Amino acid sequence: MDRTRRSITASGLAGLAGALPLAVRAQGSNTYRFSPVNQYGIELTARYWNPIIDYVSQKSGVKLELKIGRTSADTTAYVLANEVEFIFTNHMFSPEREQLGWRVLARRQTTPIHSQVVVLAESPVQKLEQLEGQAVAFPGPEATVAYKFSYGQMLRRNINVQVVFGGNMDGAFAQLASGKVQAAGTQSQLSEGWMKRENRKLRVLWQSEPLYDLALMVARKVPQADAEAVTRAFAGMLSDPAGQKVLASVGELVKLPPSAGFVASNGTEYAPYRQFFATAPAQLR
C-alpha cells in the first residue's frame, strides 16, 4: 500500500475524530475495518458512516472501525490489498474480483439508481454527441455506475471526451459547477442529493436502466457468526427506534430519505453489474 495514501487517510480521519464523537475507536484485535466507497467528500463520507457503524457495533457486539482513503480509488485499493473486512461498494462484481471471495450480506434500501451523464441546467448541450472533444468529469476510475457505465456508453457511441477525475462525486460536481468541464458522469442518487444540497439544477443527457444501490459485503476470512451479527444489526435499523433516528440524521446530511436503511441480500440483485462487465469495453473491465 502506498505510504503517502495511508498517511493522508490516517491524518484525515484523525482530524475528524474530535468532531465526530460517535466514531468507533479500535479496541483490540477483534475490531474489523469497514470501508465504504467514497461517494462524497471524505468529511461528509465519515459524517454519514460513523454514526451507522457505531450503532451496528453496539447492536451486534462486533466492533467496526471506519477506514477510508482520500479518493474512492484509494479506498478500493485497501479492499484489493486485503486490508479491510467489511465494505460497502459495487466495485467487486467483475469476474476477476469475484474470485477474491467477497460475499454480499445486505444492500441499502433505496429507489433504483441509474448511471447518468449530466450537464448544468443552463448548459447549451442537449445530447451526448455534443460532448465530442469536451472535458467530462467522473468521480474516479473505480466508480462502477458513475464512471464505467456512463463512460462505457460514450465509448459505444464513439464519442471521444477528455476524462477528468474528481476523486469522488462531489469533486466531479465541483468541476462541473466551476465550468472546468462541460458534463459529468454520475448516478441518479448522488445527482439528486447534490442538487438538493447545492440548490443547483442538472439536465440528464442519458441514463441507464435501473440498478440496485451499493452492497454491504464481507471478506471470506471473517467468521460466519460475526458476519451474521453485523448483517442483523444493519438490517434491523429500520425496525428499531434508535436505528431509525440514526438513519434520519445521517440521511439528512446527504439528502437520502429516512427509509434508506438496509435489507439482507444474497447478491443475486447484482446480476446487471456482472452482465455489464461481461460486455464492457476492455479498458473498463
C-alpha atoms as a PDB file:
ATOM      1  CA  MET A   1       0.000   0.000   0.000  1.00  0.00           C
ATOM      2  CA  ASP A   2       1.251   3.435  -0.895  1.00  0.00           C
ATOM      3  CA  ARG A   3       2.650   5.164   2.207  1.00  0.00           C
ATOM      4  CA  THR A   4       1.517   8.608   1.082  1.00  0.00           C
ATOM      5  CA  ARG A   5      -2.055   7.460   0.658  1.00  0.00           C
ATOM      6  CA  ARG A   6      -2.013   5.761   4.042  1.00  0.00           C
ATOM      7  CA  SER A   7      -0.717   8.838   5.855  1.00  0.00           C
ATOM      8  CA  ILE A   8      -3.235  11.130   4.164  1.00  0.00           C
ATOM      9  CA  THR A   9      -6.056   8.812   5.162  1.00  0.00           C
ATOM     10  CA  ALA A  10      -4.903   8.426   8.736  1.00  0.00           C
ATOM     11  CA  SER A  11      -4.435  12.154   9.272  1.00  0.00           C
ATOM     12  CA  GLY A  12      -7.766  12.936   7.603  1.00  0.00           C
ATOM     13  CA  LEU A  13      -9.667  10.597   9.893  1.00  0.00           C
ATOM     14  CA  ALA A  14      -7.748  11.743  12.953  1.00  0.00           C
ATOM     15  CA  GLY A  15      -8.751  15.302  12.200  1.00  0.00           C
ATOM     16  CA  LEU A  16     -12.394  14.242  12.076  1.00  0.00           C
ATOM     17  CA  ALA A  17     -12.303  12.277  15.302  1.00  0.00           C
ATOM     18  CA  GLY A  18     -12.827  15.265  17.569  1.00  0.00           C
ATOM     19  CA  ALA A  19     -15.810  16.460  15.563  1.00  0.00           C
ATOM     20  CA  LEU A  20     -17.357  13.000  15.432  1.00  0.00           C
ATOM     21  CA  PRO A  21     -17.805  11.661  18.972  1.00  0.00           C
ATOM     22  CA  LEU A  22     -19.716   8.644  17.669  1.00  0.00           C
ATOM     23  CA  ALA A  23     -16.714   7.359  15.736  1.00  0.00           C
ATOM     24  CA  VAL A  24     -15.707   3.846  16.740  1.00  0.00           C
ATOM     25  CA  ARG A  25     -12.167   3.518  18.064  1.00  0.00           C
ATOM     26  CA  ALA A  26     -10.015   0.428  17.581  1.00  0.00           C
ATOM     27  CA  GLN A  27     -10.077  -1.617  20.781  1.00  0.00           C
ATOM     28  CA  GLY A  28      -8.298  -4.836  20.103  1.00  0.00           C
ATOM     29  CA  SER A  29      -7.671  -7.480  17.530  1.00  0.00           C
ATOM     30  CA  ASN A  30     -11.393  -8.279  17.177  1.00  0.00           C
ATOM     31  CA  THR A  31     -12.072  -4.889  15.606  1.00  0.00           C
ATOM     32  CA  TYR A  32     -12.933  -5.126  11.912  1.00  0.00           C
ATOM     33  CA  ARG A  33     -12.229  -2.384   9.409  1.00  0.00           C
ATOM     34  CA  PHE A  34     -15.154  -1.113   7.349  1.00  0.00           C
ATOM     35  CA  SER A  35     -14.514   0.672   4.048  1.00  0.00           C
ATOM     36  CA  PRO A  36     -17.450   2.292   2.247  1.00  0.00           C
ATOM     37  CA  VAL A  37     -16.628   3.661  -1.178  1.00  0.00           C
ATOM     38  CA  ASN A  38     -16.216   7.453  -1.191  1.00  0.00           C
ATOM     39  CA  GLN A  39     -19.470   8.693  -2.680  1.00  0.00           C
ATOM     40  CA  TYR A  40     -18.965  12.158  -1.197  1.00  0.00           C
ATOM     41  CA  GLY A  41     -16.012  14.178   0.087  1.00  0.00           C
ATOM     42  CA  ILE A  42     -14.022  12.467   2.835  1.00  0.00           C
ATOM     43  CA  GLU A  43     -15.558  14.532   5.661  1.00  0.00           C
ATOM     44  CA  LEU A  44     -19.150  14.019   4.548  1.00  0.00           C
ATOM     45  CA  THR A  45     -18.481  10.311   3.961  1.00  0.00           C
ATOM     46  CA  ALA A  46     -17.219   9.995   7.544  1.00  0.00           C
ATOM     47  CA  ARG A  47     -20.107  12.012   8.976  1.00  0.00           C
ATOM     48  CA  TYR A  48     -22.582   9.728   7.221  1.00  0.00           C
ATOM     49  CA  TRP A  49     -20.987   6.419   8.162  1.00  0.00           C
ATOM     50  CA  ASN A  50     -19.582   6.896  11.671  1.00  0.00           C
ATOM     51  CA  PRO A  51     -22.977   7.035  13.428  1.00  0.00           C
ATOM     52  CA  ILE A  52     -24.138   3.991  11.453  1.00  0.00           C
ATOM     53  CA  ILE A  53     -21.134   1.838  12.314  1.00  0.00           C
ATOM     54  CA  ASP A  54     -21.288   2.981  15.946  1.00  0.00           C
ATOM     55  CA  TYR A  55     -24.892   1.757  16.082  1.00  0.00           C
ATOM     56  CA  VAL A  56     -24.040  -1.521  14.316  1.00  0.00           C
ATOM     57  CA  SER A  57     -21.065  -2.128  16.622  1.00  0.00           C
ATOM     58  CA  GLN A  58     -23.207  -1.666  19.717  1.00  0.00           C
ATOM     59  CA  LYS A  59     -26.092  -3.795  18.453  1.00  0.00           C
ATOM     60  CA  SER A  60     -24.019  -6.630  17.026  1.00  0.00           C
ATOM     61  CA  GLY A  61     -21.252  -6.807  19.619  1.00  0.00           C
ATOM     62  CA  VAL A  62     -18.826  -6.785  16.664  1.00  0.00           C
ATOM     63  CA  LYS A  63     -16.616  -3.691  16.619  1.00  0.00           C
ATOM     64  CA  LEU A  64     -16.312  -1.891  13.300  1.00  0.00           C
ATOM     65  CA  GLU A  65     -13.867   0.900  12.545  1.00  0.00           C
ATOM     66  CA  LEU A  66     -14.118   3.240   9.568  1.00  0.00           C
ATOM     67  CA  LYS A  67     -11.239   3.109   7.083  1.00  0.00           C
ATOM     68  CA  ILE A  68     -11.475   5.342   4.026  1.00  0.00           C
ATOM     69  CA  GLY A  69      -8.900   6.664   1.625  1.00  0.00           C
ATOM     70  CA  ARG A  70      -8.529  10.117   0.135  1.00  0.00           C
ATOM     71  CA  THR A  71     -10.352   9.014  -3.033  1.00  0.00           C
ATOM     72  CA  SER A  72     -12.677   6.179  -3.992  1.00  0.00           C
ATOM     73  CA  ALA A  73      -9.802   4.516  -5.853  1.00  0.00           C
ATOM     74  CA  ASP A  74      -7.672   4.659  -2.683  1.00  0.00           C
ATOM     75  CA  THR A  75     -10.455   3.056  -0.649  1.00  0.00           C
ATOM     76  CA  THR A  76     -10.876   0.264  -3.203  1.00  0.00           C
ATOM     77  CA  ALA A  77      -7.114  -0.254  -3.107  1.00  0.00           C
ATOM     78  CA  TYR A  78      -7.451  -1.114   0.597  1.00  0.00           C
ATOM     79  CA  VAL A  79     -10.012  -3.747  -0.368  1.00  0.00           C
ATOM     80  CA  LEU A  80      -7.837  -5.258  -3.078  1.00  0.00           C
ATOM     81  CA  ALA A  81      -4.866  -5.298  -0.683  1.00  0.00           C
ATOM     82  CA  ASN A  82      -6.938  -7.309   1.819  1.00  0.00           C
ATOM     83  CA  GLU A  83      -6.623  -4.559   4.447  1.00  0.00           C
ATOM     84  CA  VAL A  84     -10.321  -4.413   5.391  1.00  0.00           C
ATOM     85  CA  GLU A  85     -13.025  -6.907   6.335  1.00  0.00           C
ATOM     86  CA  PHE A  86     -16.357  -5.209   5.587  1.00  0.00           C
ATOM     87  CA  ILE A  87     -17.082  -2.973   2.603  1.00  0.00           C
ATOM     88  CA  PHE A  88     -19.957  -1.026   1.051  1.00  0.00           C
ATOM     89  CA  THR A  89     -19.366  -0.907  -2.674  1.00  0.00           C
ATOM     90  CA  ASN A  90     -20.297  -2.021  -6.176  1.00  0.00           C
ATOM     91  CA  HIS A  91     -16.668  -2.315  -7.287  1.00  0.00           C
ATOM     92  CA  MET A  92     -16.328  -6.061  -6.753  1.00  0.00           C
ATOM     93  CA  PHE A  93     -18.560  -7.627  -9.404  1.00  0.00           C
ATOM     94  CA  SER A  94     -16.079  -8.118 -12.225  1.00  0.00           C
ATOM     95  CA  PRO A  95     -15.110 -11.779 -12.855  1.00  0.00           C
ATOM     96  CA  GLU A  96     -11.567 -11.215 -11.566  1.00  0.00           C
ATOM     97  CA  ARG A  97     -12.663  -9.559  -8.345  1.00  0.00           C
ATOM     98  CA  GLU A  98     -15.404 -12.060  -7.618  1.00  0.00           C
ATOM     99  CA  GLN A  99     -12.643 -14.645  -7.343  1.00  0.00           C
ATOM    100  CA  LEU A 100     -11.389 -12.792  -4.239  1.00  0.00           C
ATOM    101  CA  GLY A 101     -14.261 -14.265  -2.250  1.00  0.00           C
ATOM    102  CA  TRP A 102     -16.189 -11.212  -1.066  1.00  0.00           C
ATOM    103  CA  ARG A 103     -19.781 -12.085  -0.197  1.00  0.00           C
ATOM    104  CA  VAL A 104     -22.865  -9.833  -0.273  1.00  0.00           C
ATOM    105  CA  LEU A 105     -24.637  -9.549   3.091  1.00  0.00           C
ATOM    106  CA  ALA A 106     -27.093  -6.709   2.538  1.00  0.00           C
ATOM    107  CA  ARG A 107     -27.914  -3.763   0.320  1.00  0.00           C
ATOM    108  CA  ARG A 108     -29.137  -0.273   1.010  1.00  0.00           C
ATOM    109  CA  GLN A 109     -32.893   0.008   0.533  1.00  0.00           C
ATOM    110  CA  THR A 110     -33.423   2.938  -1.798  1.00  0.00           C
ATOM    111  CA  THR A 111     -35.206   3.584  -5.047  1.00  0.00           C
ATOM    112  CA  PRO A 112     -33.269   2.143  -8.020  1.00  0.00           C
ATOM    113  CA  ILE A 113     -30.273   4.139  -9.165  1.00  0.00           C
ATOM    114  CA  HIS A 114     -29.305   4.966 -12.747  1.00  0.00           C
ATOM    115  CA  SER A 115     -25.975   5.745 -14.310  1.00  0.00           C
ATOM    116  CA  GLN A 116     -26.220   9.210 -15.828  1.00  0.00           C
ATOM    117  CA  VAL A 117     -24.419  11.790 -17.919  1.00  0.00           C
ATOM    118  CA  VAL A 118     -25.497  15.256 -16.790  1.00  0.00           C
ATOM    119  CA  VAL A 119     -24.872  18.909 -17.577  1.00  0.00           C
ATOM    120  CA  LEU A 120     -25.887  22.049 -15.712  1.00  0.00           C
ATOM    121  CA  ALA A 121     -29.463  23.067 -16.487  1.00  0.00           C
ATOM    122  CA  GLU A 122     -28.289  26.226 -18.239  1.00  0.00           C
ATOM    123  CA  SER A 123     -25.831  24.370 -20.498  1.00  0.00           C
ATOM    124  CA  PRO A 124     -26.450  24.596 -24.261  1.00  0.00           C
ATOM    125  CA  VAL A 125     -25.552  20.890 -24.577  1.00  0.00           C
ATOM    126  CA  GLN A 126     -28.679  18.861 -25.336  1.00  0.00           C
ATOM    127  CA  LYS A 127     -27.348  15.436 -26.334  1.00  0.00           C
ATOM    128  CA  LEU A 128     -24.344  13.196 -25.780  1.00  0.00           C
ATOM    129  CA  GLU A 129     -22.925  13.709 -29.251  1.00  0.00           C
ATOM    130  CA  GLN A 130     -22.347  17.389 -28.466  1.00  0.00           C
ATOM    131  CA  LEU A 131     -19.751  16.343 -25.871  1.00  0.00           C
ATOM    132  CA  GLU A 132     -17.338  15.222 -28.594  1.00  0.00           C
ATOM    133  CA  GLY A 133     -13.895  16.573 -27.684  1.00  0.00           C
ATOM    134  CA  GLN A 134     -15.159  18.164 -24.451  1.00  0.00           C
ATOM    135  CA  ALA A 135     -13.941  17.637 -20.870  1.00  0.00           C
ATOM    136  CA  VAL A 136     -16.208  15.394 -18.783  1.00  0.00           C
ATOM    137  CA  ALA A 137     -15.735  14.807 -15.034  1.00  0.00           C
ATOM    138  CA  PHE A 138     -16.137  11.477 -13.267  1.00  0.00           C
ATOM    139  CA  PRO A 139     -15.556  10.572  -9.609  1.00  0.00           C
ATOM    140  CA  GLY A 140     -12.707   8.165 -10.334  1.00  0.00           C
ATOM    141  CA  PRO A 141     -11.595   5.133 -12.328  1.00  0.00           C
ATOM    142  CA  GLU A 142     -13.166   2.695  -9.826  1.00  0.00           C
ATOM    143  CA  ALA A 143     -16.658   4.239  -9.879  1.00  0.00           C
ATOM    144  CA  THR A 144     -18.697   1.454 -11.461  1.00  0.00           C
ATOM    145  CA  VAL A 145     -22.012   3.212 -12.115  1.00  0.00           C
ATOM    146  CA  ALA A 146     -20.895   6.844 -12.260  1.00  0.00           C
ATOM    147  CA  TYR A 147     -17.816   6.235 -14.446  1.00  0.00           C
ATOM    148  CA  LYS A 148     -17.712   2.808 -16.052  1.00  0.00           C
ATOM    149  CA  PHE A 149     -21.378   2.641 -17.037  1.00  0.00           C
ATOM    150  CA  SER A 150     -21.565   6.251 -18.246  1.00  0.00           C
ATOM    151  CA  TYR A 151     -18.176   6.403 -19.984  1.00  0.00           C
ATOM    152  CA  GLY A 152     -18.849   2.981 -21.461  1.00  0.00           C
ATOM    153  CA  GLN A 153     -21.948   4.432 -23.123  1.00  0.00           C
ATOM    154  CA  MET A 154     -19.814   7.139 -24.721  1.00  0.00           C
ATOM    155  CA  LEU A 155     -17.277   4.599 -25.941  1.00  0.00           C
ATOM    156  CA  ARG A 156     -20.040   2.501 -27.502  1.00  0.00           C
ATOM    157  CA  ARG A 157     -21.260   5.577 -29.382  1.00  0.00           C
ATOM    158  CA  ASN A 158     -17.706   6.534 -30.418  1.00  0.00           C
ATOM    159  CA  ILE A 159     -17.953   9.852 -28.578  1.00  0.00           C
ATOM    160  CA  ASN A 160     -14.434  10.920 -27.632  1.00  0.00           C
ATOM    161  CA  VAL A 161     -14.195  13.045 -24.497  1.00  0.00           C
ATOM    162  CA  GLN A 162     -11.443  14.289 -22.207  1.00  0.00           C
ATOM    163  CA  VAL A 163     -11.781  12.299 -18.981  1.00  0.00           C
ATOM    164  CA  VAL A 164     -11.263  14.278 -15.753  1.00  0.00           C
ATOM    165  CA  PHE A 165     -11.326  12.516 -12.370  1.00  0.00           C
ATOM    166  CA  GLY A 166     -12.558  14.454  -9.333  1.00  0.00           C
ATOM    167  CA  GLY A 167     -11.578  11.904  -6.657  1.00  0.00           C
ATOM    168  CA  ASN A 168     -15.219  11.451  -5.599  1.00  0.00           C
ATOM    169  CA  MET A 169     -18.608  12.562  -6.894  1.00  0.00           C
ATOM    170  CA  ASP A 170     -18.558  15.875  -5.032  1.00  0.00           C
ATOM    171  CA  GLY A 171     -15.188  16.639  -6.613  1.00  0.00           C
ATOM    172  CA  ALA A 172     -16.569  15.873 -10.072  1.00  0.00           C
ATOM    173  CA  PHE A 173     -19.591  18.091  -9.461  1.00  0.00           C
ATOM    174  CA  ALA A 174     -17.286  20.886  -8.302  1.00  0.00           C
ATOM    175  CA  GLN A 175     -15.502  20.674 -11.665  1.00  0.00           C
ATOM    176  CA  LEU A 176     -18.864  20.897 -13.433  1.00  0.00           C
ATOM    177  CA  ALA A 177     -20.165  23.788 -11.337  1.00  0.00           C
ATOM    178  CA  SER A 178     -16.969  25.794 -11.895  1.00  0.00           C
ATOM    179  CA  GLY A 179     -17.187  25.399 -15.673  1.00  0.00           C
ATOM    180  CA  LYS A 180     -13.924  23.465 -15.902  1.00  0.00           C
ATOM    181  CA  VAL A 181     -15.791  20.573 -17.562  1.00  0.00           C
ATOM    182  CA  GLN A 182     -18.889  20.504 -19.733  1.00  0.00           C
ATOM    183  CA  ALA A 183     -20.580  17.421 -18.251  1.00  0.00           C
ATOM    184  CA  ALA A 184     -20.263  14.793 -15.545  1.00  0.00           C
ATOM    185  CA  GLY A 185     -20.759  11.064 -15.322  1.00  0.00           C
ATOM    186  CA  THR A 186     -22.734  10.298 -12.174  1.00  0.00           C
ATOM    187  CA  GLN A 187     -25.537   8.220 -10.740  1.00  0.00           C
ATOM    188  CA  SER A 188     -29.052   9.422 -10.015  1.00  0.00           C
ATOM    189  CA  GLN A 189     -28.995   9.152  -6.230  1.00  0.00           C
ATOM    190  CA  LEU A 190     -25.885  11.312  -5.989  1.00  0.00           C
ATOM    191  CA  SER A 191     -27.006  13.844  -8.583  1.00  0.00           C
ATOM    192  CA  GLU A 192     -30.354  14.280  -6.819  1.00  0.00           C
ATOM    193  CA  GLY A 193     -28.621  14.710  -3.457  1.00  0.00           C
ATOM    194  CA  TRP A 194     -26.153  17.232  -4.887  1.00  0.00           C
ATOM    195  CA  MET A 195     -28.952  19.316  -6.398  1.00  0.00           C
ATOM    196  CA  LYS A 196     -30.729  19.459  -3.036  1.00  0.00           C
ATOM    197  CA  ARG A 197     -27.571  20.293  -1.087  1.00  0.00           C
ATOM    198  CA  GLU A 198     -26.277  22.886  -3.538  1.00  0.00           C
ATOM    199  CA  ASN A 199     -29.605  24.262  -4.808  1.00  0.00           C
ATOM    200  CA  ARG A 200     -28.480  23.767  -8.405  1.00  0.00           C
ATOM    201  CA  LYS A 201     -30.239  22.085 -11.319  1.00  0.00           C
ATOM    202  CA  LEU A 202     -28.885  19.449 -13.686  1.00  0.00           C
ATOM    203  CA  ARG A 203     -30.106  18.161 -17.052  1.00  0.00           C
ATOM    204  CA  VAL A 204     -29.801  14.452 -17.803  1.00  0.00           C
ATOM    205  CA  LEU A 205     -28.453  13.670 -21.274  1.00  0.00           C
ATOM    206  CA  TRP A 206     -28.507   9.890 -20.825  1.00  0.00           C
ATOM    207  CA  GLN A 207     -29.302   7.385 -18.128  1.00  0.00           C
ATOM    208  CA  SER A 208     -29.071   3.633 -17.780  1.00  0.00           C
ATOM    209  CA  GLU A 209     -31.631   1.044 -16.863  1.00  0.00           C
ATOM    210  CA  PRO A 210     -32.372   0.845 -13.089  1.00  0.00           C
ATOM    211  CA  LEU A 211     -29.779  -0.745 -10.822  1.00  0.00           C
ATOM    212  CA  TYR A 212     -29.676  -1.696  -7.155  1.00  0.00           C
ATOM    213  CA  ASP A 213     -27.775   0.522  -4.731  1.00  0.00           C
ATOM    214  CA  LEU A 214     -24.389  -0.458  -3.279  1.00  0.00           C
ATOM    215  CA  ALA A 215     -23.832  -3.720  -1.408  1.00  0.00           C
ATOM    216  CA  LEU A 216     -22.599  -4.439   2.109  1.00  0.00           C
ATOM    217  CA  MET A 217     -20.006  -7.188   1.650  1.00  0.00           C
ATOM    218  CA  VAL A 218     -17.765  -9.273   3.908  1.00  0.00           C
ATOM    219  CA  ALA A 219     -14.358 -10.855   3.360  1.00  0.00           C
ATOM    220  CA  ARG A 220     -14.202 -14.632   3.473  1.00  0.00           C
ATOM    221  CA  LYS A 221     -11.756 -14.514   6.410  1.00  0.00           C
ATOM    222  CA  VAL A 222     -14.446 -13.129   8.763  1.00  0.00           C
ATOM    223  CA  PRO A 223     -16.109 -15.810  10.938  1.00  0.00           C
ATOM    224  CA  GLN A 224     -19.693 -16.600   9.918  1.00  0.00           C
ATOM    225  CA  ALA A 225     -21.077 -15.687  13.360  1.00  0.00           C
ATOM    226  CA  ASP A 226     -19.604 -12.180  13.179  1.00  0.00           C
ATOM    227  CA  ALA A 227     -20.839 -11.656   9.619  1.00  0.00           C
ATOM    228  CA  GLU A 228     -24.356 -12.736  10.610  1.00  0.00           C
ATOM    229  CA  ALA A 229     -24.375 -10.463  13.665  1.00  0.00           C
ATOM    230  CA  VAL A 230     -23.347  -7.459  11.568  1.00  0.00           C
ATOM    231  CA  THR A 231     -25.985  -8.287   8.940  1.00  0.00           C
ATOM    232  CA  ARG A 232     -28.732  -8.473  11.583  1.00  0.00           C
ATOM    233  CA  ALA A 233     -27.694  -5.121  13.029  1.00  0.00           C
ATOM    234  CA  PHE A 234     -27.709  -3.367   9.655  1.00  0.00           C
ATOM    235  CA  ALA A 235     -30.990  -4.985   8.576  1.00  0.00           C
ATOM    236  CA  GLY A 236     -32.636  -4.193  11.921  1.00  0.00           C
ATOM    237  CA  MET A 237     -32.053  -0.440  11.854  1.00  0.00           C
ATOM    238  CA  LEU A 238     -35.396   0.434  10.261  1.00  0.00           C
ATOM    239  CA  SER A 239     -37.380  -1.551  12.847  1.00  0.00           C
ATOM    240  CA  ASP A 240     -35.532  -0.095  15.852  1.00  0.00           C
ATOM    241  CA  PRO A 241     -36.368   3.460  17.036  1.00  0.00           C
ATOM    242  CA  ALA A 242     -32.698   4.109  17.788  1.00  0.00           C
ATOM    243  CA  GLY A 243     -31.712   2.876  14.341  1.00  0.00           C
ATOM    244  CA  GLN A 244     -34.427   4.969  12.714  1.00  0.00           C
ATOM    245  CA  LYS A 245     -33.075   8.054  14.469  1.00  0.00           C
ATOM    246  CA  VAL A 246     -29.576   7.400  13.174  1.00  0.00           C
ATOM    247  CA  LEU A 247     -30.788   6.846   9.606  1.00  0.00           C
ATOM    248  CA  ALA A 248     -32.891  10.001   9.663  1.00  0.00           C
ATOM    249  CA  SER A 249     -29.989  12.086  10.980  1.00  0.00           C
ATOM    250  CA  VAL A 250     -27.323  10.884   8.557  1.00  0.00           C
ATOM    251  CA  GLY A 251     -29.799  10.745   5.674  1.00  0.00           C
ATOM    252  CA  GLU A 252     -30.428  14.451   6.067  1.00  0.00           C
ATOM    253  CA  LEU A 253     -26.702  15.110   5.604  1.00  0.00           C
ATOM    254  CA  VAL A 254     -26.640  13.532   2.145  1.00  0.00           C
ATOM    255  CA  LYS A 255     -30.312  14.084   1.264  1.00  0.00           C
ATOM    256  CA  LEU A 256     -31.379  10.451   1.487  1.00  0.00           C
ATOM    257  CA  PRO A 257     -34.841   9.640   2.876  1.00  0.00           C
ATOM    258  CA  PRO A 258     -35.147   8.272   6.450  1.00  0.00           C
ATOM    259  CA  SER A 259     -36.270   4.977   4.907  1.00  0.00           C
ATOM    260  CA  ALA A 260     -32.847   4.434   3.309  1.00  0.00           C
ATOM    261  CA  GLY A 261     -31.947   1.564   5.613  1.00  0.00           C
ATOM    262  CA  PHE A 262     -30.547  -1.859   4.796  1.00  0.00           C
ATOM    263  CA  VAL A 263     -32.050  -5.222   3.819  1.00  0.00           C
ATOM    264  CA  ALA A 264     -30.380  -8.621   3.789  1.00  0.00           C
ATOM    265  CA  SER A 265     -29.279  -9.852   0.361  1.00  0.00           C
ATOM    266  CA  ASN A 266     -27.665 -12.902  -1.197  1.00  0.00           C
ATOM    267  CA  GLY A 267     -26.231 -10.854  -4.049  1.00  0.00           C
ATOM    268  CA  THR A 268     -28.487 -12.053  -6.869  1.00  0.00           C
ATOM    269  CA  GLU A 269     -29.809  -8.498  -7.351  1.00  0.00           C
ATOM    270  CA  TYR A 270     -26.410  -7.503  -8.725  1.00  0.00           C
ATOM    271  CA  ALA A 271     -26.665  -9.606 -11.888  1.00  0.00           C
ATOM    272  CA  PRO A 272     -26.837  -6.442 -14.088  1.00  0.00           C
ATOM    273  CA  TYR A 273     -23.417  -5.404 -12.787  1.00  0.00           C
ATOM    274  CA  ARG A 274     -21.989  -8.794 -13.703  1.00  0.00           C
ATOM    275  CA  GLN A 275     -23.620  -8.598 -17.131  1.00  0.00           C
ATOM    276  CA  PHE A 276     -22.072  -5.168 -17.683  1.00  0.00           C
ATOM    277  CA  PHE A 277     -18.577  -6.480 -17.073  1.00  0.00           C
ATOM    278  CA  ALA A 278     -19.198  -9.396 -19.416  1.00  0.00           C
ATOM    279  CA  THR A 279     -19.693  -6.999 -22.343  1.00  0.00           C
ATOM    280  CA  ALA A 280     -17.950  -3.782 -21.237  1.00  0.00           C
ATOM    281  CA  PRO A 281     -15.205  -2.174 -23.334  1.00  0.00           C
ATOM    282  CA  ALA A 282     -11.905  -3.839 -22.439  1.00  0.00           C
ATOM    283  CA  GLN A 283     -10.443  -0.722 -20.784  1.00  0.00           C
ATOM    284  CA  LEU A 284     -13.323  -0.638 -18.265  1.00  0.00           C
ATOM    285  CA  ARG A 285     -13.253  -4.242 -17.082  1.00  0.00           C
END
